[in-house]
PDB file of N, CA and C in Angstrom:
ATOM      1  N   MET A   1       4.692 -24.109  17.286  1.00  0.00           N
ATOM      2  CA  MET A   1       4.124 -23.099  18.150  1.00  0.00           C
ATOM      3  C   MET A   1       2.638 -22.950  17.819  1.00  0.00           C
ATOM      4  N   ASN A   2       1.821 -23.037  18.809  1.00  0.00           N
ATOM      5  CA  ASN A   2       0.384 -22.951  18.616  1.00  0.00           C
ATOM      6  C   ASN A   2      -0.160 -21.771  19.412  1.00  0.00           C
ATOM      7  N   ALA A   3       0.358 -20.595  19.169  1.00  0.00           N
ATOM      8  CA  ALA A   3      -0.092 -19.399  19.888  1.00  0.00           C
ATOM      9  C   ALA A   3      -1.378 -18.883  19.262  1.00  0.00           C
ATOM     10  N   ARG A   4      -2.324 -18.543  20.107  1.00  0.00           N
ATOM     11  CA  ARG A   4      -3.588 -17.989  19.642  1.00  0.00           C
ATOM     12  C   ARG A   4      -3.501 -16.476  19.695  1.00  0.00           C
ATOM     13  N   ILE A   5      -3.972 -15.810  18.673  1.00  0.00           N
ATOM     14  CA  ILE A   5      -3.942 -14.360  18.598  1.00  0.00           C
ATOM     15  C   ILE A   5      -5.347 -13.835  18.839  1.00  0.00           C
ATOM     16  N   ASN A   6      -5.461 -12.913  19.769  1.00  0.00           N
ATOM     17  CA  ASN A   6      -6.747 -12.267  20.024  1.00  0.00           C
ATOM     18  C   ASN A   6      -6.868 -11.111  19.041  1.00  0.00           C
ATOM     19  N   HIS A   7      -7.566 -11.342  17.934  1.00  0.00           N
ATOM     20  CA  HIS A   7      -7.645 -10.347  16.865  1.00  0.00           C
ATOM     21  C   HIS A   7      -8.413  -9.105  17.296  1.00  0.00           C
ATOM     22  N   LEU A   8      -9.395  -9.263  18.137  1.00  0.00           N
ATOM     23  CA  LEU A   8     -10.130  -8.100  18.640  1.00  0.00           C
ATOM     24  C   LEU A   8      -9.201  -7.180  19.415  1.00  0.00           C
ATOM     25  N   ALA A   9      -8.333  -7.750  20.243  1.00  0.00           N
ATOM     26  CA  ALA A   9      -7.385  -6.940  21.007  1.00  0.00           C
ATOM     27  C   ALA A   9      -6.402  -6.223  20.081  1.00  0.00           C
ATOM     28  N   VAL A  10      -5.986  -6.896  19.021  1.00  0.00           N
ATOM     29  CA  VAL A  10      -5.056  -6.270  18.070  1.00  0.00           C
ATOM     30  C   VAL A  10      -5.720  -5.067  17.411  1.00  0.00           C
ATOM     31  N   TRP A  11      -6.974  -5.221  16.964  1.00  0.00           N
ATOM     32  CA  TRP A  11      -7.663  -4.104  16.313  1.00  0.00           C
ATOM     33  C   TRP A  11      -7.924  -2.965  17.291  1.00  0.00           C
ATOM     34  N   ILE A  12      -8.241  -3.289  18.523  1.00  0.00           N
ATOM     35  CA  ILE A  12      -8.436  -2.233  19.524  1.00  0.00           C
ATOM     36  C   ILE A  12      -7.138  -1.479  19.751  1.00  0.00           C
ATOM     37  N   LEU A  13      -6.018  -2.193  19.823  1.00  0.00           N
ATOM     38  CA  LEU A  13      -4.724  -1.523  20.009  1.00  0.00           C
ATOM     39  C   LEU A  13      -4.357  -0.655  18.812  1.00  0.00           C
ATOM     40  N   ILE A  14      -4.707  -1.078  17.605  1.00  0.00           N
ATOM     41  CA  ILE A  14      -4.441  -0.253  16.422  1.00  0.00           C
ATOM     42  C   ILE A  14      -5.218   1.052  16.504  1.00  0.00           C
ATOM     43  N   VAL A  15      -6.487   0.969  16.863  1.00  0.00           N
ATOM     44  CA  VAL A  15      -7.313   2.179  16.973  1.00  0.00           C
ATOM     45  C   VAL A  15      -6.785   3.076  18.082  1.00  0.00           C
ATOM     46  N   VAL A  16      -6.422   2.500  19.224  1.00  0.00           N
ATOM     47  CA  VAL A  16      -5.881   3.296  20.335  1.00  0.00           C
ATOM     48  C   VAL A  16      -4.572   3.965  19.925  1.00  0.00           C
ATOM     49  N   TYR A  17      -3.729   3.247  19.194  1.00  0.00           N
ATOM     50  CA  TYR A  17      -2.457   3.806  18.728  1.00  0.00           C
ATOM     51  C   TYR A  17      -2.685   5.053  17.872  1.00  0.00           C
ATOM     52  N   PHE A  18      -3.624   4.971  16.928  1.00  0.00           N
ATOM     53  CA  PHE A  18      -3.897   6.122  16.072  1.00  0.00           C
ATOM     54  C   PHE A  18      -4.573   7.247  16.843  1.00  0.00           C
ATOM     55  N   LEU A  19      -5.411   6.920  17.805  1.00  0.00           N
ATOM     56  CA  LEU A  19      -6.035   7.964  18.616  1.00  0.00           C
ATOM     57  C   LEU A  19      -5.002   8.696  19.471  1.00  0.00           C
ATOM     58  N   ILE A  20      -4.028   7.971  20.001  1.00  0.00           N
ATOM     59  CA  ILE A  20      -2.960   8.614  20.770  1.00  0.00           C
ATOM     60  C   ILE A  20      -2.145   9.537  19.871  1.00  0.00           C
ATOM     61  N   GLY A  21      -1.822   9.085  18.669  1.00  0.00           N
ATOM     62  CA  GLY A  21      -1.080   9.940  17.735  1.00  0.00           C
ATOM     63  C   GLY A  21      -1.862  11.181  17.356  1.00  0.00           C
ATOM     64  N   TRP A  22      -3.142  11.035  17.093  1.00  0.00           N
ATOM     65  CA  TRP A  22      -3.983  12.180  16.761  1.00  0.00           C
ATOM     66  C   TRP A  22      -4.062  13.146  17.937  1.00  0.00           C
ATOM     67  N   GLY A  23      -4.245  12.608  19.137  1.00  0.00           N
ATOM     68  CA  GLY A  23      -4.313  13.472  20.322  1.00  0.00           C
ATOM     69  C   GLY A  23      -3.010  14.205  20.566  1.00  0.00           C
ATOM     70  N   TRP A  24      -1.897  13.523  20.405  1.00  0.00           N
ATOM     71  CA  TRP A  24      -0.587  14.144  20.599  1.00  0.00           C
ATOM     72  C   TRP A  24      -0.399  15.298  19.612  1.00  0.00           C
ATOM     73  N   TYR A  25      -0.746  15.065  18.359  1.00  0.00           N
ATOM     74  CA  TYR A  25      -0.610  16.115  17.363  1.00  0.00           C
ATOM     75  C   TYR A  25      -1.583  17.259  17.642  1.00  0.00           C
ATOM     76  N   ALA A  26      -2.801  16.933  18.069  1.00  0.00           N
ATOM     77  CA  ALA A  26      -3.786  17.982  18.349  1.00  0.00           C
ATOM     78  C   ALA A  26      -3.340  18.858  19.510  1.00  0.00           C
ATOM     79  N   ILE A  27      -2.684  18.269  20.510  1.00  0.00           N
ATOM     80  CA  ILE A  27      -2.258  19.040  21.679  1.00  0.00           C
ATOM     81  C   ILE A  27      -0.974  19.806  21.400  1.00  0.00           C
ATOM     82  N   PHE A  28       0.038  19.131  20.853  1.00  0.00           N
ATOM     83  CA  PHE A  28       1.366  19.732  20.731  1.00  0.00           C
ATOM     84  C   PHE A  28       1.724  20.186  19.317  1.00  0.00           C
ATOM     85  N   GLY A  29       0.885  19.933  18.328  1.00  0.00           N
ATOM     86  CA  GLY A  29       1.220  20.297  16.954  1.00  0.00           C
ATOM     87  C   GLY A  29       1.382  21.791  16.757  1.00  0.00           C
ATOM     88  N   GLU A  30       0.463  22.566  17.271  1.00  0.00           N
ATOM     89  CA  GLU A  30       0.534  24.028  17.132  1.00  0.00           C
ATOM     90  C   GLU A  30       1.752  24.595  17.852  1.00  0.00           C
ATOM     91  N   ALA A  31       2.049  24.070  19.034  1.00  0.00           N
ATOM     92  CA  ALA A  31       3.220  24.540  19.790  1.00  0.00           C
ATOM     93  C   ALA A  31       4.512  24.240  19.029  1.00  0.00           C
ATOM     94  N   TRP A  32       4.591  23.082  18.415  1.00  0.00           N
ATOM     95  CA  TRP A  32       5.779  22.726  17.651  1.00  0.00           C
ATOM     96  C   TRP A  32       5.946  23.656  16.453  1.00  0.00           C
ATOM     97  N   LEU A  33       4.839  23.932  15.744  1.00  0.00           N
ATOM     98  CA  LEU A  33       4.912  24.839  14.600  1.00  0.00           C
ATOM     99  C   LEU A  33       5.345  26.235  15.037  1.00  0.00           C
ATOM    100  N   ASN A  34       4.814  26.732  16.158  1.00  0.00           N
ATOM    101  CA  ASN A  34       5.190  28.063  16.644  1.00  0.00           C
ATOM    102  C   ASN A  34       6.649  28.112  17.056  1.00  0.00           C
ATOM    103  N   GLN A  35       7.145  27.066  17.688  1.00  0.00           N
ATOM    104  CA  GLN A  35       8.532  27.034  18.135  1.00  0.00           C
ATOM    105  C   GLN A  35       9.499  27.075  16.960  1.00  0.00           C
ATOM    106  N   HIS A  36       9.129  26.459  15.868  1.00  0.00           N
ATOM    107  CA  HIS A  36      10.000  26.423  14.698  1.00  0.00           C
ATOM    108  C   HIS A  36       9.648  27.500  13.672  1.00  0.00           C
ATOM    109  N   ALA A  37       8.793  28.423  14.053  1.00  0.00           N
ATOM    110  CA  ALA A  37       8.387  29.545  13.192  1.00  0.00           C
ATOM    111  C   ALA A  37       7.883  29.046  11.841  1.00  0.00           C
ATOM    112  N   LYS A  38       7.011  28.101  11.889  1.00  0.00           N
ATOM    113  CA  LYS A  38       6.437  27.547  10.665  1.00  0.00           C
ATOM    114  C   LYS A  38       4.930  27.608  10.744  1.00  0.00           C
ATOM    115  N   GLN A  39       4.318  27.509   9.564  1.00  0.00           N
ATOM    116  CA  GLN A  39       2.879  27.380   9.486  1.00  0.00           C
ATOM    117  C   GLN A  39       2.571  26.000   8.901  1.00  0.00           C
ATOM    118  N   ALA A  40       1.337  25.595   9.000  1.00  0.00           N
ATOM    119  CA  ALA A  40       0.973  24.267   8.495  1.00  0.00           C
ATOM    120  C   ALA A  40       1.222  24.154   6.992  1.00  0.00           C
ATOM    121  N   THR A  41       1.137  25.278   6.280  1.00  0.00           N
ATOM    122  CA  THR A  41       1.366  25.236   4.831  1.00  0.00           C
ATOM    123  C   THR A  41       2.844  25.141   4.483  1.00  0.00           C
ATOM    124  N   ASP A  42       3.742  25.419   5.435  1.00  0.00           N
ATOM    125  CA  ASP A  42       5.183  25.348   5.175  1.00  0.00           C
ATOM    126  C   ASP A  42       5.706  23.909   5.161  1.00  0.00           C
ATOM    127  N   ILE A  43       4.975  23.004   5.760  1.00  0.00           N
ATOM    128  CA  ILE A  43       5.436  21.625   5.856  1.00  0.00           C
ATOM    129  C   ILE A  43       5.192  20.938   4.523  1.00  0.00           C
ATOM    130  N   GLU A  44       6.243  20.381   3.972  1.00  0.00           N
ATOM    131  CA  GLU A  44       6.127  19.720   2.673  1.00  0.00           C
ATOM    132  C   GLU A  44       5.395  18.396   2.845  1.00  0.00           C
ATOM    133  N   ARG A  45       4.383  18.212   2.057  1.00  0.00           N
ATOM    134  CA  ARG A  45       3.607  16.971   2.113  1.00  0.00           C
ATOM    135  C   ARG A  45       4.191  15.998   1.098  1.00  0.00           C
ATOM    136  N   THR A  46       4.902  15.034   1.565  1.00  0.00           N
ATOM    137  CA  THR A  46       5.455  14.019   0.674  1.00  0.00           C
ATOM    138  C   THR A  46       4.709  12.722   0.894  1.00  0.00           C
ATOM    139  N   HIS A  47       4.431  12.059  -0.180  1.00  0.00           N
ATOM    140  CA  HIS A  47       3.768  10.763  -0.109  1.00  0.00           C
ATOM    141  C   HIS A  47       4.845   9.703  -0.258  1.00  0.00           C
ATOM    142  N   ASN A  48       5.331   9.263   0.873  1.00  0.00           N
ATOM    143  CA  ASN A  48       6.439   8.333   0.879  1.00  0.00           C
ATOM    144  C   ASN A  48       5.912   6.909   0.709  1.00  0.00           C
ATOM    145  N   VAL A  49       5.951   6.439  -0.508  1.00  0.00           N
ATOM    146  CA  VAL A  49       5.449   5.101  -0.817  1.00  0.00           C
ATOM    147  C   VAL A  49       6.351   4.044  -0.200  1.00  0.00           C
ATOM    148  N   GLY A  50       7.614   4.355  -0.062  1.00  0.00           N
ATOM    149  CA  GLY A  50       8.562   3.389   0.499  1.00  0.00           C
ATOM    150  C   GLY A  50       8.192   2.950   1.904  1.00  0.00           C
ATOM    151  N   ALA A  51       7.662   3.859   2.707  1.00  0.00           N
ATOM    152  CA  ALA A  51       7.258   3.500   4.064  1.00  0.00           C
ATOM    153  C   ALA A  51       6.119   2.491   4.044  1.00  0.00           C
ATOM    154  N   TYR A  52       5.172   2.674   3.125  1.00  0.00           N
ATOM    155  CA  TYR A  52       4.059   1.741   3.025  1.00  0.00           C
ATOM    156  C   TYR A  52       4.522   0.380   2.504  1.00  0.00           C
ATOM    157  N   VAL A  53       5.417   0.393   1.538  1.00  0.00           N
ATOM    158  CA  VAL A  53       5.930  -0.867   0.992  1.00  0.00           C
ATOM    159  C   VAL A  53       6.707  -1.624   2.068  1.00  0.00           C
ATOM    160  N   LEU A  54       7.529  -0.895   2.828  1.00  0.00           N
ATOM    161  CA  LEU A  54       8.299  -1.520   3.896  1.00  0.00           C
ATOM    162  C   LEU A  54       7.380  -2.091   4.981  1.00  0.00           C
ATOM    163  N   ALA A  55       6.326  -1.356   5.329  1.00  0.00           N
ATOM    164  CA  ALA A  55       5.380  -1.848   6.330  1.00  0.00           C
ATOM    165  C   ALA A  55       4.658  -3.095   5.833  1.00  0.00           C
ATOM    166  N   PHE A  56       4.244  -3.093   4.570  1.00  0.00           N
ATOM    167  CA  PHE A  56       3.571  -4.267   4.017  1.00  0.00           C
ATOM    168  C   PHE A  56       4.518  -5.460   3.949  1.00  0.00           C
ATOM    169  N   ALA A  57       5.772  -5.227   3.578  1.00  0.00           N
ATOM    170  CA  ALA A  57       6.747  -6.318   3.522  1.00  0.00           C
ATOM    171  C   ALA A  57       6.987  -6.888   4.916  1.00  0.00           C
ATOM    172  N   GLY A  58       7.049  -6.025   5.915  1.00  0.00           N
ATOM    173  CA  GLY A  58       7.209  -6.496   7.291  1.00  0.00           C
ATOM    174  C   GLY A  58       6.020  -7.309   7.754  1.00  0.00           C
ATOM    175  N   LEU A  59       4.826  -6.868   7.383  1.00  0.00           N
ATOM    176  CA  LEU A  59       3.622  -7.621   7.735  1.00  0.00           C
ATOM    177  C   LEU A  59       3.613  -8.982   7.051  1.00  0.00           C
ATOM    178  N   ALA A  60       3.943  -9.006   5.766  1.00  0.00           N
ATOM    179  CA  ALA A  60       3.970 -10.274   5.034  1.00  0.00           C
ATOM    180  C   ALA A  60       5.019 -11.215   5.616  1.00  0.00           C
ATOM    181  N   TYR A  61       6.171 -10.681   5.993  1.00  0.00           N
ATOM    182  CA  TYR A  61       7.230 -11.507   6.578  1.00  0.00           C
ATOM    183  C   TYR A  61       6.800 -12.067   7.931  1.00  0.00           C
ATOM    184  N   SER A  62       6.115 -11.254   8.720  1.00  0.00           N
ATOM    185  CA  SER A  62       5.733 -11.713  10.053  1.00  0.00           C
ATOM    186  C   SER A  62       4.597 -12.728  10.009  1.00  0.00           C
ATOM    187  N   LEU A  63       3.764 -12.692   8.981  1.00  0.00           N
ATOM    188  CA  LEU A  63       2.638 -13.618   8.885  1.00  0.00           C
ATOM    189  C   LEU A  63       2.971 -14.887   8.107  1.00  0.00           C
ATOM    190  N   PHE A  64       4.090 -14.902   7.387  1.00  0.00           N
ATOM    191  CA  PHE A  64       4.445 -16.044   6.547  1.00  0.00           C
ATOM    192  C   PHE A  64       4.473 -17.310   7.369  1.00  0.00           C
ATOM    193  N   PRO A  65       3.949 -18.417   6.948  1.00  0.00           N
ATOM    194  CA  PRO A  65       3.351 -18.768   5.669  1.00  0.00           C
ATOM    195  C   PRO A  65       1.826 -18.674   5.662  1.00  0.00           C
ATOM    196  N   TYR A  66       1.233 -18.034   6.657  1.00  0.00           N
ATOM    197  CA  TYR A  66      -0.228 -18.016   6.746  1.00  0.00           C
ATOM    198  C   TYR A  66      -0.844 -16.971   5.829  1.00  0.00           C
ATOM    199  N   VAL A  67      -1.871 -17.375   5.086  1.00  0.00           N
ATOM    200  CA  VAL A  67      -2.678 -16.459   4.292  1.00  0.00           C
ATOM    201  C   VAL A  67      -3.851 -15.992   5.142  1.00  0.00           C
ATOM    202  N   VAL A  68      -4.481 -16.927   5.814  1.00  0.00           N
ATOM    203  CA  VAL A  68      -5.503 -16.634   6.818  1.00  0.00           C
ATOM    204  C   VAL A  68      -4.903 -17.075   8.150  1.00  0.00           C
ATOM    205  N   LEU A  69      -4.836 -16.157   9.096  1.00  0.00           N
ATOM    206  CA  LEU A  69      -4.110 -16.407  10.342  1.00  0.00           C
ATOM    207  C   LEU A  69      -4.563 -17.696  11.028  1.00  0.00           C
ATOM    208  N   ASP A  70      -3.606 -18.551  11.305  1.00  0.00           N
ATOM    209  CA  ASP A  70      -3.794 -19.815  12.017  1.00  0.00           C
ATOM    210  C   ASP A  70      -4.794 -20.753  11.353  1.00  0.00           C
ATOM    211  N   ARG A  71      -5.143 -20.500  10.102  1.00  0.00           N
ATOM    212  CA  ARG A  71      -6.139 -21.337   9.440  1.00  0.00           C
ATOM    213  C   ARG A  71      -5.630 -21.935   8.127  1.00  0.00           C
ATOM    214  N   LEU A  72      -5.043 -21.092   7.272  1.00  0.00           N
ATOM    215  CA  LEU A  72      -4.740 -21.511   5.907  1.00  0.00           C
ATOM    216  C   LEU A  72      -3.335 -21.046   5.538  1.00  0.00           C
ATOM    217  N   THR A  73      -2.493 -21.991   5.137  1.00  0.00           N
ATOM    218  CA  THR A  73      -1.135 -21.638   4.736  1.00  0.00           C
ATOM    219  C   THR A  73      -1.092 -21.302   3.248  1.00  0.00           C
ATOM    220  N   LEU A  74       0.026 -20.773   2.826  1.00  0.00           N
ATOM    221  CA  LEU A  74       0.220 -20.394   1.429  1.00  0.00           C
ATOM    222  C   LEU A  74       0.085 -21.595   0.505  1.00  0.00           C
ATOM    223  N   TRP A  75       0.602 -22.736   0.933  1.00  0.00           N
ATOM    224  CA  TRP A  75       0.577 -23.921   0.084  1.00  0.00           C
ATOM    225  C   TRP A  75      -0.816 -24.544   0.027  1.00  0.00           C
ATOM    226  N   GLN A  76      -1.594 -24.401   1.094  1.00  0.00           N
ATOM    227  CA  GLN A  76      -2.959 -24.898   1.076  1.00  0.00           C
ATOM    228  C   GLN A  76      -3.853 -24.026   0.194  1.00  0.00           C
ATOM    229  N   ALA A  77      -3.549 -22.735   0.099  1.00  0.00           N
ATOM    230  CA  ALA A  77      -4.373 -21.808  -0.670  1.00  0.00           C
ATOM    231  C   ALA A  77      -4.030 -21.795  -2.158  1.00  0.00           C
ATOM    232  N   ALA A  78      -2.884 -22.330  -2.525  1.00  0.00           N
ATOM    233  CA  ALA A  78      -2.451 -22.290  -3.923  1.00  0.00           C
ATOM    234  C   ALA A  78      -3.320 -23.201  -4.786  1.00  0.00           C
ATOM    235  N   ALA A  79      -3.485 -22.791  -6.037  1.00  0.00           N
ATOM    236  CA  ALA A  79      -4.254 -23.598  -6.983  1.00  0.00           C
ATOM    237  C   ALA A  79      -3.419 -24.789  -7.450  1.00  0.00           C
ATOM    238  N   HIS A  80      -4.069 -25.686  -8.157  1.00  0.00           N
ATOM    239  CA  HIS A  80      -3.392 -26.865  -8.708  1.00  0.00           C
ATOM    240  C   HIS A  80      -2.346 -26.401  -9.721  1.00  0.00           C
ATOM    241  N   PRO A  81      -1.185 -27.069  -9.781  1.00  0.00           N
ATOM    242  CA  PRO A  81      -0.127 -26.641 -10.709  1.00  0.00           C
ATOM    243  C   PRO A  81      -0.574 -26.541 -12.172  1.00  0.00           C
ATOM    244  N   SER A  82      -1.470 -27.416 -12.626  1.00  0.00           N
ATOM    245  CA  SER A  82      -1.909 -27.333 -14.022  1.00  0.00           C
ATOM    246  C   SER A  82      -2.725 -26.052 -14.252  1.00  0.00           C
ATOM    247  N   ALA A  83      -3.511 -25.619 -13.266  1.00  0.00           N
ATOM    248  CA  ALA A  83      -4.265 -24.376 -13.396  1.00  0.00           C
ATOM    249  C   ALA A  83      -3.322 -23.176 -13.421  1.00  0.00           C
ATOM    250  N   LEU A  84      -2.272 -23.235 -12.617  1.00  0.00           N
ATOM    251  CA  LEU A  84      -1.305 -22.140 -12.610  1.00  0.00           C
ATOM    252  C   LEU A  84      -0.545 -22.061 -13.937  1.00  0.00           C
ATOM    253  N   LYS A  85      -0.225 -23.199 -14.531  1.00  0.00           N
ATOM    254  CA  LYS A  85       0.443 -23.203 -15.836  1.00  0.00           C
ATOM    255  C   LYS A  85      -0.474 -22.630 -16.918  1.00  0.00           C
ATOM    256  N   PHE A  86      -1.749 -22.971 -16.870  1.00  0.00           N
ATOM    257  CA  PHE A  86      -2.727 -22.441 -17.823  1.00  0.00           C
ATOM    258  C   PHE A  86      -2.818 -20.911 -17.706  1.00  0.00           C
ATOM    259  N   LEU A  87      -2.879 -20.403 -16.482  1.00  0.00           N
ATOM    260  CA  LEU A  87      -2.938 -18.956 -16.279  1.00  0.00           C
ATOM    261  C   LEU A  87      -1.652 -18.264 -16.726  1.00  0.00           C
ATOM    262  N   LEU A  88      -0.511 -18.912 -16.501  1.00  0.00           N
ATOM    263  CA  LEU A  88       0.758 -18.345 -16.953  1.00  0.00           C
ATOM    264  C   LEU A  88       0.789 -18.235 -18.472  1.00  0.00           C
ATOM    265  N   ALA A  89       0.317 -19.267 -19.155  1.00  0.00           N
ATOM    266  CA  ALA A  89       0.282 -19.234 -20.623  1.00  0.00           C
ATOM    267  C   ALA A  89      -0.657 -18.129 -21.109  1.00  0.00           C
ATOM    268  N   GLY A  90      -1.813 -17.984 -20.486  1.00  0.00           N
ATOM    269  CA  GLY A  90      -2.742 -16.924 -20.872  1.00  0.00           C
ATOM    270  C   GLY A  90      -2.159 -15.541 -20.639  1.00  0.00           C
ATOM    271  N   ALA A  91      -1.488 -15.350 -19.502  1.00  0.00           N
ATOM    272  CA  ALA A  91      -0.873 -14.053 -19.218  1.00  0.00           C
ATOM    273  C   ALA A  91       0.259 -13.763 -20.199  1.00  0.00           C
ATOM    274  N   ALA A  92       1.027 -14.790 -20.577  1.00  0.00           N
ATOM    275  CA  ALA A  92       2.130 -14.600 -21.525  1.00  0.00           C
ATOM    276  C   ALA A  92       1.614 -14.206 -22.904  1.00  0.00           C
ATOM    277  N   ILE A  93       0.405 -14.634 -23.253  1.00  0.00           N
ATOM    278  CA  ILE A  93      -0.169 -14.274 -24.553  1.00  0.00           C
ATOM    279  C   ILE A  93      -0.791 -12.879 -24.504  1.00  0.00           C
ATOM    280  N   VAL A  94      -1.527 -12.554 -23.440  1.00  0.00           N
ATOM    281  CA  VAL A  94      -2.302 -11.314 -23.372  1.00  0.00           C
ATOM    282  C   VAL A  94      -1.445 -10.113 -22.970  1.00  0.00           C
ATOM    283  N   LEU A  95      -0.498 -10.305 -22.068  1.00  0.00           N
ATOM    284  CA  LEU A  95       0.273  -9.181 -21.535  1.00  0.00           C
ATOM    285  C   LEU A  95       1.035  -8.379 -22.596  1.00  0.00           C
ATOM    286  N   PRO A  96       1.670  -9.000 -23.610  1.00  0.00           N
ATOM    287  CA  PRO A  96       2.322  -8.197 -24.644  1.00  0.00           C
ATOM    288  C   PRO A  96       1.345  -7.303 -25.413  1.00  0.00           C
ATOM    289  N   PHE A  97       0.120  -7.768 -25.640  1.00  0.00           N
ATOM    290  CA  PHE A  97      -0.875  -6.919 -26.307  1.00  0.00           C
ATOM    291  C   PHE A  97      -1.252  -5.717 -25.446  1.00  0.00           C
ATOM    292  N   ILE A  98      -1.400  -5.929 -24.165  1.00  0.00           N
ATOM    293  CA  ILE A  98      -1.733  -4.826 -23.252  1.00  0.00           C
ATOM    294  C   ILE A  98      -0.597  -3.805 -23.227  1.00  0.00           C
ATOM    295  N   LEU A  99       0.631  -4.275 -23.106  1.00  0.00           N
ATOM    296  CA  LEU A  99       1.775  -3.356 -23.080  1.00  0.00           C
ATOM    297  C   LEU A  99       1.926  -2.629 -24.415  1.00  0.00           C
ATOM    298  N   GLY A 100       1.747  -3.341 -25.519  1.00  0.00           N
ATOM    299  CA  GLY A 100       1.843  -2.710 -26.833  1.00  0.00           C
ATOM    300  C   GLY A 100       0.780  -1.639 -27.035  1.00  0.00           C
ATOM    301  N   TYR A 101      -0.442  -1.919 -26.633  1.00  0.00           N
ATOM    302  CA  TYR A 101      -1.513  -0.938 -26.765  1.00  0.00           C
ATOM    303  C   TYR A 101      -1.251   0.270 -25.874  1.00  0.00           C
ATOM    304  N   THR A 102      -0.706   0.062 -24.690  1.00  0.00           N
ATOM    305  CA  THR A 102      -0.385   1.171 -23.796  1.00  0.00           C
ATOM    306  C   THR A 102       0.678   2.072 -24.411  1.00  0.00           C
ATOM    307  N   VAL A 103       1.707   1.487 -25.003  1.00  0.00           N
ATOM    308  CA  VAL A 103       2.751   2.280 -25.660  1.00  0.00           C
ATOM    309  C   VAL A 103       2.171   3.026 -26.859  1.00  0.00           C
ATOM    310  N   TYR A 104       1.329   2.363 -27.635  1.00  0.00           N
ATOM    311  CA  TYR A 104       0.698   2.990 -28.796  1.00  0.00           C
ATOM    312  C   TYR A 104      -0.137   4.209 -28.386  1.00  0.00           C
ATOM    313  N   VAL A 105      -0.972   4.062 -27.371  1.00  0.00           N
ATOM    314  CA  VAL A 105      -1.824   5.159 -26.929  1.00  0.00           C
ATOM    315  C   VAL A 105      -0.985   6.276 -26.316  1.00  0.00           C
ATOM    316  N   TYR A 106       0.069   5.930 -25.592  1.00  0.00           N
ATOM    317  CA  TYR A 106       0.946   6.949 -25.009  1.00  0.00           C
ATOM    318  C   TYR A 106       1.607   7.782 -26.113  1.00  0.00           C
ATOM    319  N   ARG A 107       2.072   7.128 -27.157  1.00  0.00           N
ATOM    320  CA  ARG A 107       2.700   7.868 -28.267  1.00  0.00           C
ATOM    321  C   ARG A 107       1.676   8.655 -29.075  1.00  0.00           C
ATOM    322  N   LEU A 108       0.478   8.128 -29.208  1.00  0.00           N
ATOM    323  CA  LEU A 108      -0.565   8.795 -29.980  1.00  0.00           C
ATOM    324  C   LEU A 108      -1.040  10.069 -29.292  1.00  0.00           C
ATOM    325  N   PHE A 109      -1.290   9.999 -27.984  1.00  0.00           N
ATOM    326  CA  PHE A 109      -1.853  11.135 -27.267  1.00  0.00           C
ATOM    327  C   PHE A 109      -0.824  11.938 -26.480  1.00  0.00           C
ATOM    328  N   GLY A 110       0.416  11.511 -26.453  1.00  0.00           N
ATOM    329  CA  GLY A 110       1.445  12.224 -25.701  1.00  0.00           C
ATOM    330  C   GLY A 110       1.692  13.625 -26.260  1.00  0.00           C
ATOM    331  N   GLY A 111       1.715  14.627 -25.371  1.00  0.00           N
ATOM    332  CA  GLY A 111       1.991  16.004 -25.773  1.00  0.00           C
ATOM    333  C   GLY A 111       0.814  16.731 -26.378  1.00  0.00           C
ATOM    334  N   LYS A 112      -0.387  16.222 -26.282  1.00  0.00           N
ATOM    335  CA  LYS A 112      -1.560  16.872 -26.872  1.00  0.00           C
ATOM    336  C   LYS A 112      -2.165  17.952 -25.980  1.00  0.00           C
ATOM    337  N   THR A 113      -1.779  17.995 -24.712  1.00  0.00           N
ATOM    338  CA  THR A 113      -2.346  18.997 -23.805  1.00  0.00           C
ATOM    339  C   THR A 113      -1.266  20.001 -23.418  1.00  0.00           C
ATOM    340  N   ARG A 114      -1.725  21.178 -23.018  1.00  0.00           N
ATOM    341  CA  ARG A 114      -0.809  22.213 -22.557  1.00  0.00           C
ATOM    342  C   ARG A 114      -0.589  22.047 -21.071  1.00  0.00           C
ATOM    343  N   ALA A 115       0.557  22.488 -20.600  1.00  0.00           N
ATOM    344  CA  ALA A 115       0.866  22.418 -19.181  1.00  0.00           C
ATOM    345  C   ALA A 115      -0.040  23.367 -18.402  1.00  0.00           C
ATOM    346  N   GLY A 116      -0.538  22.894 -17.285  1.00  0.00           N
ATOM    347  CA  GLY A 116      -1.355  23.734 -16.409  1.00  0.00           C
ATOM    348  C   GLY A 116      -2.824  23.782 -16.747  1.00  0.00           C
ATOM    349  N   VAL A 117      -3.278  23.062 -17.745  1.00  0.00           N
ATOM    350  CA  VAL A 117      -4.690  23.112 -18.134  1.00  0.00           C
ATOM    351  C   VAL A 117      -5.573  22.499 -17.062  1.00  0.00           C
ATOM    352  N   TYR A 118      -5.124  21.422 -16.436  1.00  0.00           N
ATOM    353  CA  TYR A 118      -5.960  20.709 -15.489  1.00  0.00           C
ATOM    354  C   TYR A 118      -5.635  21.045 -14.037  1.00  0.00           C
ATOM    355  N   GLU A 119      -4.793  22.019 -13.792  1.00  0.00           N
ATOM    356  CA  GLU A 119      -4.450  22.400 -12.418  1.00  0.00           C
ATOM    357  C   GLU A 119      -5.483  23.385 -11.896  1.00  0.00           C
ATOM    358  N   HIS A 120      -5.773  23.292 -10.620  1.00  0.00           N
ATOM    359  CA  HIS A 120      -6.751  24.193 -10.002  1.00  0.00           C
ATOM    360  C   HIS A 120      -6.046  25.195  -9.134  1.00  0.00           C
TER     361      HIS A 120
END
């Protein structure tokens, strides 16, 4: 399949999508809050990381195997196997020191502050 993607059109649609959502909330958000007898401060603000991870996984799945759309595949972008082995060996040596130092500092400084000191 040799389909060409108009990237400008995709970015324009993304901006339009967010503008429609913002407009919808600006028009009907207050009415919805009044209907449910809520205020803006009553709505719990949760940072749902799972939604972002799922969206990124869907994007990665839909673009696979391209790293750069229609230009560069994953296998073309990969480094030479000997370079990857060298980096793996370096990471295997350095990573235990980083983890050990993190545990050491966590145990050293853990519990040194009082609760609520840095809250505003």
